[in-house]
């Protein structure tokens, strides 16, 4: 995950704030992201932060599609703390201003909706429509159907009026109706995993084998990644769940079955 510096002026804790526990340790959330003279406060997990580093880290989590905030501090070599922080704790120790709170809460709400249901805007009336059958691209808008006094259907994939017979899971009959996520999986660049012995060429984007969300590897540490959508940990190389892959190979060596080919199908999440 790429960590970007904030453009706004550096935040500072109030040294007289007795509700915070100040510690004399380096920033453990985003090391090197703040001035050495900045006060550090201790999170509930026991790791030190500054308001800037906490804001930077949690904003990046939201941008990666994660609405749960977990501590990235490294413990025991390369293992992360991964303890869960409440939004209330993040809001307090990140010293979020009003605009930041609005941004955080809106993003968290949007991510929560996408986590539990499939929602798109109707191309005609712009009403949010939930897709009940994740394997069917032909979706009916009840608002347009009521207004027009006839059934109105659109394509979930290309967001145009539905053409052709339905239901279908691949495409409608509109020209250029393609699954862009699937196209990305098949055309993305190849990467190496420098810390994993034997993995010199692997697709840079994978679909989570459980929910189908797009996942990238930051090319650091082991071959396992955790899906930001369903929180499933799987092997980025062979696409097996971590619990299965680890039975035949270590996290830092090539899988027994080799590199899984580029995906030609995106799994549908059966919640």
C-alpha atoms as a PDB file:
ATOM      1  CA  UNK A   1       0.000   0.000   0.000  1.00  0.00           C
ATOM      2  CA  UNK A   2       1.429   3.364  -1.027  1.00  0.00           C
ATOM      3  CA  UNK A   3       1.465   5.901   1.803  1.00  0.00           C
ATOM      4  CA  UNK A   4       1.207   9.520   0.725  1.00  0.00           C
ATOM      5  CA  UNK A   5       2.096  12.551   2.800  1.00  0.00           C
ATOM      6  CA  UNK A   6      -0.718  14.951   3.593  1.00  0.00           C
ATOM      7  CA  UNK A   7      -0.684  18.416   2.008  1.00  0.00           C
ATOM      8  CA  UNK A   8      -2.362  20.093   4.966  1.00  0.00           C
ATOM      9  CA  UNK A   9      -0.364  21.555   7.895  1.00  0.00           C
ATOM     10  CA  UNK A  10       0.926  19.020  10.398  1.00  0.00           C
ATOM     11  CA  UNK A  11      -1.399  18.190  13.264  1.00  0.00           C
ATOM     12  CA  UNK A  12      -0.172  18.302  16.829  1.00  0.00           C
ATOM     13  CA  UNK A  13      -1.536  16.788  20.016  1.00  0.00           C
ATOM     14  CA  UNK A  14      -2.255  19.130  22.896  1.00  0.00           C
ATOM     15  CA  UNK A  15       0.424  18.272  25.484  1.00  0.00           C
ATOM     16  CA  UNK A  16      -2.065  19.157  28.253  1.00  0.00           C
ATOM     17  CA  UNK A  17      -4.663  16.639  27.021  1.00  0.00           C
ATOM     18  CA  UNK A  18      -4.938  14.181  29.919  1.00  0.00           C
ATOM     19  CA  UNK A  19      -7.292  11.858  27.980  1.00  0.00           C
ATOM     20  CA  UNK A  20      -4.352  10.663  25.855  1.00  0.00           C
ATOM     21  CA  UNK A  21      -1.426   8.506  26.905  1.00  0.00           C
ATOM     22  CA  UNK A  22       1.752  10.052  25.526  1.00  0.00           C
ATOM     23  CA  UNK A  23       4.786   7.824  24.951  1.00  0.00           C
ATOM     24  CA  UNK A  24       8.455   8.442  24.162  1.00  0.00           C
ATOM     25  CA  UNK A  25       8.691   6.049  21.191  1.00  0.00           C
ATOM     26  CA  UNK A  26       8.999   6.384  17.429  1.00  0.00           C
ATOM     27  CA  UNK A  27       5.847   6.431  15.321  1.00  0.00           C
ATOM     28  CA  UNK A  28       4.984   2.752  14.770  1.00  0.00           C
ATOM     29  CA  UNK A  29       2.086   3.137  12.334  1.00  0.00           C
ATOM     30  CA  UNK A  30       3.740   5.067   9.493  1.00  0.00           C
ATOM     31  CA  UNK A  31       7.418   5.328  10.495  1.00  0.00           C
ATOM     32  CA  UNK A  32       9.121   8.453   9.211  1.00  0.00           C
ATOM     33  CA  UNK A  33       5.883  10.207   8.250  1.00  0.00           C
ATOM     34  CA  UNK A  34       6.080  12.919  10.903  1.00  0.00           C
ATOM     35  CA  UNK A  35       8.546  15.300  12.530  1.00  0.00           C
ATOM     36  CA  UNK A  36      10.669  13.756  15.285  1.00  0.00           C
ATOM     37  CA  UNK A  37       9.505  16.444  17.697  1.00  0.00           C
ATOM     38  CA  UNK A  38       5.818  15.512  17.322  1.00  0.00           C
ATOM     39  CA  UNK A  39       4.126  14.059  20.371  1.00  0.00           C
ATOM     40  CA  UNK A  40       3.230  10.361  20.144  1.00  0.00           C
ATOM     41  CA  UNK A  41       0.104   8.893  21.691  1.00  0.00           C
ATOM     42  CA  UNK A  42      -0.574   5.221  22.372  1.00  0.00           C
ATOM     43  CA  UNK A  43      -3.418   3.416  20.602  1.00  0.00           C
ATOM     44  CA  UNK A  44      -5.476   0.731  22.334  1.00  0.00           C
ATOM     45  CA  UNK A  45      -3.236  -1.919  20.740  1.00  0.00           C
ATOM     46  CA  UNK A  46      -0.193  -0.382  22.450  1.00  0.00           C
ATOM     47  CA  UNK A  47       1.476   1.156  19.390  1.00  0.00           C
ATOM     48  CA  UNK A  48       2.567   4.783  19.065  1.00  0.00           C
ATOM     49  CA  UNK A  49       1.053   7.191  16.535  1.00  0.00           C
ATOM     50  CA  UNK A  50       0.892  10.848  15.636  1.00  0.00           C
ATOM     51  CA  UNK A  51      -2.392  12.366  14.432  1.00  0.00           C
ATOM     52  CA  UNK A  52      -0.899  12.788  10.946  1.00  0.00           C
ATOM     53  CA  UNK A  53       0.333   9.208  10.599  1.00  0.00           C
ATOM     54  CA  UNK A  54      -2.973   7.807  11.807  1.00  0.00           C
ATOM     55  CA  UNK A  55      -4.915   9.998   9.373  1.00  0.00           C
ATOM     56  CA  UNK A  56      -2.638   9.010   6.475  1.00  0.00           C
ATOM     57  CA  UNK A  57      -2.877   5.293   7.229  1.00  0.00           C
ATOM     58  CA  UNK A  58      -6.651   5.185   7.692  1.00  0.00           C
ATOM     59  CA  UNK A  59      -7.320   7.298   4.577  1.00  0.00           C
ATOM     60  CA  UNK A  60      -5.245   4.847   2.567  1.00  0.00           C
ATOM     61  CA  UNK A  61      -7.243   1.939   3.972  1.00  0.00           C
ATOM     62  CA  UNK A  62     -10.458   3.622   2.797  1.00  0.00           C
ATOM     63  CA  UNK A  63      -8.954   4.165  -0.655  1.00  0.00           C
ATOM     64  CA  UNK A  64      -8.091   0.460  -0.763  1.00  0.00           C
ATOM     65  CA  UNK A  65     -11.743  -0.405  -0.091  1.00  0.00           C
ATOM     66  CA  UNK A  66     -11.392  -1.288   3.586  1.00  0.00           C
ATOM     67  CA  UNK A  67     -13.859   0.131   6.086  1.00  0.00           C
ATOM     68  CA  UNK A  68     -12.236  -1.484   9.116  1.00  0.00           C
ATOM     69  CA  UNK A  69      -9.147   0.123  10.602  1.00  0.00           C
ATOM     70  CA  UNK A  70      -6.358  -2.210  11.702  1.00  0.00           C
ATOM     71  CA  UNK A  71      -2.923  -1.490  13.106  1.00  0.00           C
ATOM     72  CA  UNK A  72      -0.062  -2.049  10.599  1.00  0.00           C
ATOM     73  CA  UNK A  73       2.749  -1.902  13.170  1.00  0.00           C
ATOM     74  CA  UNK A  74       5.290  -4.655  12.596  1.00  0.00           C
ATOM     75  CA  UNK A  75       5.741  -7.189  15.391  1.00  0.00           C
ATOM     76  CA  UNK A  76       7.752 -10.406  15.474  1.00  0.00           C
ATOM     77  CA  UNK A  77       9.789  -9.820  12.316  1.00  0.00           C
ATOM     78  CA  UNK A  78       7.374  -9.221   9.428  1.00  0.00           C
ATOM     79  CA  UNK A  79       4.080  -9.979  11.144  1.00  0.00           C
ATOM     80  CA  UNK A  80       1.668  -7.068  11.545  1.00  0.00           C
ATOM     81  CA  UNK A  81      -0.187  -6.209  14.749  1.00  0.00           C
ATOM     82  CA  UNK A  82      -3.534  -6.199  12.869  1.00  0.00           C
ATOM     83  CA  UNK A  83      -5.538  -5.217  15.966  1.00  0.00           C
ATOM     84  CA  UNK A  84      -8.860  -3.562  15.156  1.00  0.00           C
ATOM     85  CA  UNK A  85      -9.384   0.112  16.040  1.00  0.00           C
ATOM     86  CA  UNK A  86     -12.874   1.558  16.408  1.00  0.00           C
ATOM     87  CA  UNK A  87     -13.790   4.579  14.307  1.00  0.00           C
ATOM     88  CA  UNK A  88     -14.333   6.508  17.534  1.00  0.00           C
ATOM     89  CA  UNK A  89     -10.726   5.830  18.556  1.00  0.00           C
ATOM     90  CA  UNK A  90      -9.410   6.744  15.113  1.00  0.00           C
ATOM     91  CA  UNK A  91     -11.458   9.951  15.045  1.00  0.00           C
ATOM     92  CA  UNK A  92     -10.096  10.958  18.455  1.00  0.00           C
ATOM     93  CA  UNK A  93      -6.405  10.128  17.996  1.00  0.00           C
ATOM     94  CA  UNK A  94      -6.240  11.224  14.352  1.00  0.00           C
ATOM     95  CA  UNK A  95      -7.726  14.540  15.469  1.00  0.00           C
ATOM     96  CA  UNK A  96     -10.055  14.548  12.448  1.00  0.00           C
ATOM     97  CA  UNK A  97     -11.483  17.917  11.479  1.00  0.00           C
ATOM     98  CA  UNK A  98     -15.088  18.336  10.300  1.00  0.00           C
ATOM     99  CA  UNK A  99     -14.285  17.802   6.608  1.00  0.00           C
ATOM    100  CA  UNK A 100     -12.229  14.698   7.387  1.00  0.00           C
ATOM    101  CA  UNK A 101     -15.006  13.259   9.547  1.00  0.00           C
ATOM    102  CA  UNK A 102     -17.517  13.791   6.730  1.00  0.00           C
ATOM    103  CA  UNK A 103     -15.153  12.091   4.278  1.00  0.00           C
ATOM    104  CA  UNK A 104     -14.445   9.134   6.578  1.00  0.00           C
ATOM    105  CA  UNK A 105     -18.093   8.560   7.451  1.00  0.00           C
ATOM    106  CA  UNK A 106     -19.298   8.813   3.844  1.00  0.00           C
ATOM    107  CA  UNK A 107     -16.629   6.412   2.604  1.00  0.00           C
ATOM    108  CA  UNK A 108     -17.335   3.971   5.429  1.00  0.00           C
ATOM    109  CA  UNK A 109     -21.053   4.059   4.610  1.00  0.00           C
ATOM    110  CA  UNK A 110     -20.422   3.475   0.894  1.00  0.00           C
ATOM    111  CA  UNK A 111     -18.089   0.577   1.608  1.00  0.00           C
ATOM    112  CA  UNK A 112     -20.554  -0.992   4.039  1.00  0.00           C
ATOM    113  CA  UNK A 113     -23.272  -0.919   1.384  1.00  0.00           C
ATOM    114  CA  UNK A 114     -21.015  -2.517  -1.239  1.00  0.00           C
ATOM    115  CA  UNK A 115     -19.919  -5.176   1.279  1.00  0.00           C
ATOM    116  CA  UNK A 116     -23.425  -6.503   1.834  1.00  0.00           C
ATOM    117  CA  UNK A 117     -25.256  -5.812  -1.432  1.00  0.00           C
ATOM    118  CA  UNK A 118     -24.680  -5.103  -5.128  1.00  0.00           C
ATOM    119  CA  UNK A 119     -25.745  -1.535  -5.936  1.00  0.00           C
ATOM    120  CA  UNK A 120     -25.597   0.510  -9.162  1.00  0.00           C
ATOM    121  CA  UNK A 121     -27.269   3.698 -10.363  1.00  0.00           C
ATOM    122  CA  UNK A 122     -29.996   3.169 -12.940  1.00  0.00           C
ATOM    123  CA  UNK A 123     -28.702   4.732 -16.207  1.00  0.00           C
ATOM    124  CA  UNK A 124     -32.097   6.363 -16.836  1.00  0.00           C
ATOM    125  CA  UNK A 125     -33.386   7.725 -13.492  1.00  0.00           C
ATOM    126  CA  UNK A 126     -30.117   7.498 -11.488  1.00  0.00           C
ATOM    127  CA  UNK A 127     -31.882   5.730  -8.606  1.00  0.00           C
ATOM    128  CA  UNK A 128     -29.740   3.249  -6.675  1.00  0.00           C
ATOM    129  CA  UNK A 129     -30.726  -0.269  -7.677  1.00  0.00           C
ATOM    130  CA  UNK A 130     -29.769  -3.435  -5.791  1.00  0.00           C
ATOM    131  CA  UNK A 131     -28.997  -6.558  -7.800  1.00  0.00           C
ATOM    132  CA  UNK A 132     -30.626  -9.532  -6.129  1.00  0.00           C
ATOM    133  CA  UNK A 133     -29.091 -12.186  -8.387  1.00  0.00           C
ATOM    134  CA  UNK A 134     -25.314 -11.603  -8.729  1.00  0.00           C
ATOM    135  CA  UNK A 135     -25.156 -13.997 -11.698  1.00  0.00           C
ATOM    136  CA  UNK A 136     -27.710 -12.086 -13.793  1.00  0.00           C
ATOM    137  CA  UNK A 137     -26.692  -8.907 -15.643  1.00  0.00           C
ATOM    138  CA  UNK A 138     -30.263  -8.098 -16.660  1.00  0.00           C
ATOM    139  CA  UNK A 139     -31.661  -5.869 -13.907  1.00  0.00           C
ATOM    140  CA  UNK A 140     -35.064  -4.223 -13.599  1.00  0.00           C
ATOM    141  CA  UNK A 141     -35.461  -0.689 -12.254  1.00  0.00           C
ATOM    142  CA  UNK A 142     -38.729  -0.559 -10.316  1.00  0.00           C
ATOM    143  CA  UNK A 143     -38.835   3.259 -10.412  1.00  0.00           C
ATOM    144  CA  UNK A 144     -38.582   3.505 -14.220  1.00  0.00           C
ATOM    145  CA  UNK A 145     -40.949   0.568 -14.599  1.00  0.00           C
ATOM    146  CA  UNK A 146     -43.567   2.353 -12.486  1.00  0.00           C
ATOM    147  CA  UNK A 147     -43.064   5.704 -14.251  1.00  0.00           C
ATOM    148  CA  UNK A 148     -43.178   4.268 -17.775  1.00  0.00           C
ATOM    149  CA  UNK A 149     -45.948   1.749 -17.026  1.00  0.00           C
ATOM    150  CA  UNK A 150     -43.809  -0.918 -18.691  1.00  0.00           C
ATOM    151  CA  UNK A 151     -40.849  -3.028 -17.612  1.00  0.00           C
ATOM    152  CA  UNK A 152     -37.534  -1.211 -17.886  1.00  0.00           C
ATOM    153  CA  UNK A 153     -34.345  -3.277 -17.698  1.00  0.00           C
ATOM    154  CA  UNK A 154     -30.720  -2.268 -17.998  1.00  0.00           C
ATOM    155  CA  UNK A 155     -27.383  -4.062 -18.204  1.00  0.00           C
ATOM    156  CA  UNK A 156     -25.455  -4.181 -14.956  1.00  0.00           C
ATOM    157  CA  UNK A 157     -22.196  -4.437 -16.874  1.00  0.00           C
ATOM    158  CA  UNK A 158     -22.371  -1.693 -19.536  1.00  0.00           C
ATOM    159  CA  UNK A 159     -25.116   0.403 -17.842  1.00  0.00           C
ATOM    160  CA  UNK A 160     -27.206   0.770 -20.976  1.00  0.00           C
ATOM    161  CA  UNK A 161     -30.749  -0.290 -21.853  1.00  0.00           C
ATOM    162  CA  UNK A 162     -30.863  -4.071 -21.888  1.00  0.00           C
ATOM    163  CA  UNK A 163     -30.714  -5.674 -25.339  1.00  0.00           C
ATOM    164  CA  UNK A 164     -31.253  -9.318 -26.151  1.00  0.00           C
ATOM    165  CA  UNK A 165     -32.625 -12.264 -24.191  1.00  0.00           C
ATOM    166  CA  UNK A 166     -32.105 -12.617 -20.464  1.00  0.00           C
ATOM    167  CA  UNK A 167     -31.105 -13.629 -17.915  1.00  0.00           C
ATOM    168  CA  UNK A 168     -27.426 -13.722 -18.863  1.00  0.00           C
ATOM    169  CA  UNK A 169     -24.230 -13.676 -16.850  1.00  0.00           C
ATOM    170  CA  UNK A 170     -21.676 -12.794 -19.554  1.00  0.00           C
ATOM    171  CA  UNK A 171     -23.008  -9.760 -21.475  1.00  0.00           C
ATOM    172  CA  UNK A 172     -26.030  -8.159 -23.148  1.00  0.00           C
ATOM    173  CA  UNK A 173     -26.351  -7.593 -26.927  1.00  0.00           C
ATOM    174  CA  UNK A 174     -25.101  -4.010 -26.830  1.00  0.00           C
ATOM    175  CA  UNK A 175     -21.888  -3.471 -28.767  1.00  0.00           C
ATOM    176  CA  UNK A 176     -18.777  -3.366 -26.581  1.00  0.00           C
ATOM    177  CA  UNK A 177     -20.551  -4.800 -23.543  1.00  0.00           C
ATOM    178  CA  UNK A 178     -17.545  -6.325 -21.870  1.00  0.00           C
ATOM    179  CA  UNK A 179     -16.529  -7.192 -18.347  1.00  0.00           C
ATOM    180  CA  UNK A 180     -13.770  -4.659 -17.758  1.00  0.00           C
ATOM    181  CA  UNK A 181     -12.667  -6.341 -14.540  1.00  0.00           C
ATOM    182  CA  UNK A 182     -12.187  -9.620 -16.413  1.00  0.00           C
ATOM    183  CA  UNK A 183     -10.394  -7.779 -19.204  1.00  0.00           C
ATOM    184  CA  UNK A 184      -8.022  -6.274 -16.600  1.00  0.00           C
ATOM    185  CA  UNK A 185      -7.273  -9.696 -15.120  1.00  0.00           C
ATOM    186  CA  UNK A 186      -6.335 -10.995 -18.561  1.00  0.00           C
ATOM    187  CA  UNK A 187      -4.245  -8.021 -19.728  1.00  0.00           C
ATOM    188  CA  UNK A 188      -2.596  -6.651 -16.563  1.00  0.00           C
ATOM    189  CA  UNK A 189       1.183  -6.569 -16.397  1.00  0.00           C
ATOM    190  CA  UNK A 190       3.225  -9.319 -14.771  1.00  0.00           C
ATOM    191  CA  UNK A 191       5.200  -8.753 -11.587  1.00  0.00           C
ATOM    192  CA  UNK A 192       7.750 -10.615  -9.502  1.00  0.00           C
ATOM    193  CA  UNK A 193       7.559 -11.281  -5.778  1.00  0.00           C
ATOM    194  CA  UNK A 194      11.157 -10.608  -4.668  1.00  0.00           C
ATOM    195  CA  UNK A 195      10.705 -12.129  -1.212  1.00  0.00           C
ATOM    196  CA  UNK A 196       9.179 -15.370  -2.550  1.00  0.00           C
ATOM    197  CA  UNK A 197      11.694 -17.857  -3.938  1.00  0.00           C
ATOM    198  CA  UNK A 198      10.911 -18.855  -7.528  1.00  0.00           C
ATOM    199  CA  UNK A 199       8.143 -16.334  -8.275  1.00  0.00           C
ATOM    200  CA  UNK A 200       9.548 -14.156 -11.051  1.00  0.00           C
ATOM    201  CA  UNK A 201       6.394 -13.675 -13.121  1.00  0.00           C
ATOM    202  CA  UNK A 202       2.840 -13.470 -11.823  1.00  0.00           C
ATOM    203  CA  UNK A 203      -0.222 -11.408 -12.891  1.00  0.00           C
ATOM    204  CA  UNK A 204      -0.272  -8.108 -10.973  1.00  0.00           C
ATOM    205  CA  UNK A 205      -4.037  -8.231 -10.382  1.00  0.00           C
ATOM    206  CA  UNK A 206      -6.070 -11.179  -9.126  1.00  0.00           C
ATOM    207  CA  UNK A 207      -9.742 -11.729  -8.359  1.00  0.00           C
ATOM    208  CA  UNK A 208     -10.370 -12.939  -4.815  1.00  0.00           C
ATOM    209  CA  UNK A 209     -11.322 -16.642  -5.088  1.00  0.00           C
ATOM    210  CA  UNK A 210     -14.181 -16.084  -2.616  1.00  0.00           C
ATOM    211  CA  UNK A 211     -15.845 -12.761  -3.477  1.00  0.00           C
ATOM    212  CA  UNK A 212     -14.292 -11.783  -6.812  1.00  0.00           C
ATOM    213  CA  UNK A 213     -12.922  -8.398  -5.679  1.00  0.00           C
ATOM    214  CA  UNK A 214      -9.802  -7.145  -7.483  1.00  0.00           C
ATOM    215  CA  UNK A 215      -6.678  -7.506  -5.338  1.00  0.00           C
ATOM    216  CA  UNK A 216      -3.085  -6.390  -5.935  1.00  0.00           C
ATOM    217  CA  UNK A 217       0.146  -7.472  -4.260  1.00  0.00           C
ATOM    218  CA  UNK A 218       2.557  -4.775  -3.041  1.00  0.00           C
ATOM    219  CA  UNK A 219       5.513  -7.063  -3.909  1.00  0.00           C
ATOM    220  CA  UNK A 220       6.655  -7.144  -0.307  1.00  0.00           C
ATOM    221  CA  UNK A 221       6.889 -10.032   2.147  1.00  0.00           C
ATOM    222  CA  UNK A 222       5.095 -13.335   1.583  1.00  0.00           C
ATOM    223  CA  UNK A 223       2.808 -14.480  -1.243  1.00  0.00           C
ATOM    224  CA  UNK A 224      -0.396 -14.326   0.832  1.00  0.00           C
ATOM    225  CA  UNK A 225      -2.788 -11.376   0.605  1.00  0.00           C
ATOM    226  CA  UNK A 226      -5.996 -10.532   2.444  1.00  0.00           C
ATOM    227  CA  UNK A 227      -9.003  -9.434   0.407  1.00  0.00           C
ATOM    228  CA  UNK A 228     -10.172  -5.977   1.559  1.00  0.00           C
ATOM    229  CA  UNK A 229     -13.771  -6.884   0.767  1.00  0.00           C
ATOM    230  CA  UNK A 230     -14.393 -10.271   2.392  1.00  0.00           C
ATOM    231  CA  UNK A 231     -11.195 -10.492   4.512  1.00  0.00           C
ATOM    232  CA  UNK A 232     -10.271 -13.889   3.032  1.00  0.00           C
ATOM    233  CA  UNK A 233      -6.519 -14.596   3.049  1.00  0.00           C
ATOM    234  CA  UNK A 234      -5.379 -16.438  -0.058  1.00  0.00           C
ATOM    235  CA  UNK A 235      -2.206 -17.158  -1.998  1.00  0.00           C
ATOM    236  CA  UNK A 236      -1.642 -14.575  -4.752  1.00  0.00           C
ATOM    237  CA  UNK A 237       0.398 -17.115  -6.723  1.00  0.00           C
ATOM    238  CA  UNK A 238      -1.709 -20.291  -6.836  1.00  0.00           C
ATOM    239  CA  UNK A 239      -5.049 -18.669  -5.813  1.00  0.00           C
ATOM    240  CA  UNK A 240      -5.725 -21.280  -3.138  1.00  0.00           C
ATOM    241  CA  UNK A 241      -6.826 -20.258   0.330  1.00  0.00           C
ATOM    242  CA  UNK A 242      -3.851 -19.730   2.630  1.00  0.00           C
ATOM    243  CA  UNK A 243      -4.935 -22.703   4.772  1.00  0.00           C
ATOM    244  CA  UNK A 244      -4.689 -24.968   1.713  1.00  0.00           C
ATOM    245  CA  UNK A 245      -1.535 -23.557   0.116  1.00  0.00           C
ATOM    246  CA  UNK A 246       0.452 -23.706   3.347  1.00  0.00           C
ATOM    247  CA  UNK A 247      -0.059 -27.487   3.493  1.00  0.00           C
ATOM    248  CA  UNK A 248       2.408 -28.001   0.629  1.00  0.00           C
ATOM    249  CA  UNK A 249       4.651 -24.898   0.572  1.00  0.00           C
ATOM    250  CA  UNK A 250       5.859 -22.136   2.841  1.00  0.00           C
ATOM    251  CA  UNK A 251       4.655 -18.515   2.384  1.00  0.00           C
ATOM    252  CA  UNK A 252       8.081 -17.570   0.995  1.00  0.00           C
ATOM    253  CA  UNK A 253       8.534 -20.228  -1.681  1.00  0.00           C
ATOM    254  CA  UNK A 254       6.899 -21.192  -4.966  1.00  0.00           C
ATOM    255  CA  UNK A 255       3.656 -23.153  -4.613  1.00  0.00           C
ATOM    256  CA  UNK A 256       3.662 -26.867  -5.325  1.00  0.00           C
ATOM    257  CA  UNK A 257       1.129 -26.304  -8.140  1.00  0.00           C
ATOM    258  CA  UNK A 258       3.020 -23.324  -9.607  1.00  0.00           C
ATOM    259  CA  UNK A 259       1.632 -19.974 -10.709  1.00  0.00           C
ATOM    260  CA  UNK A 260      -2.089 -20.105 -11.447  1.00  0.00           C
ATOM    261  CA  UNK A 261      -2.899 -18.875 -14.989  1.00  0.00           C
ATOM    262  CA  UNK A 262      -4.686 -15.595 -15.613  1.00  0.00           C
ATOM    263  CA  UNK A 263      -8.277 -15.849 -14.497  1.00  0.00           C
ATOM    264  CA  UNK A 264     -11.018 -16.242 -17.110  1.00  0.00           C
ATOM    265  CA  UNK A 265     -13.850 -16.180 -14.584  1.00  0.00           C
ATOM    266  CA  UNK A 266     -14.643 -13.884 -11.657  1.00  0.00           C
ATOM    267  CA  UNK A 267     -16.099 -15.706  -8.630  1.00  0.00           C
ATOM    268  CA  UNK A 268     -19.533 -14.554  -7.437  1.00  0.00           C
ATOM    269  CA  UNK A 269     -19.765 -13.877  -3.720  1.00  0.00           C
ATOM    270  CA  UNK A 270     -22.510 -15.964  -2.161  1.00  0.00           C
ATOM    271  CA  UNK A 271     -23.008 -14.031   1.064  1.00  0.00           C
END
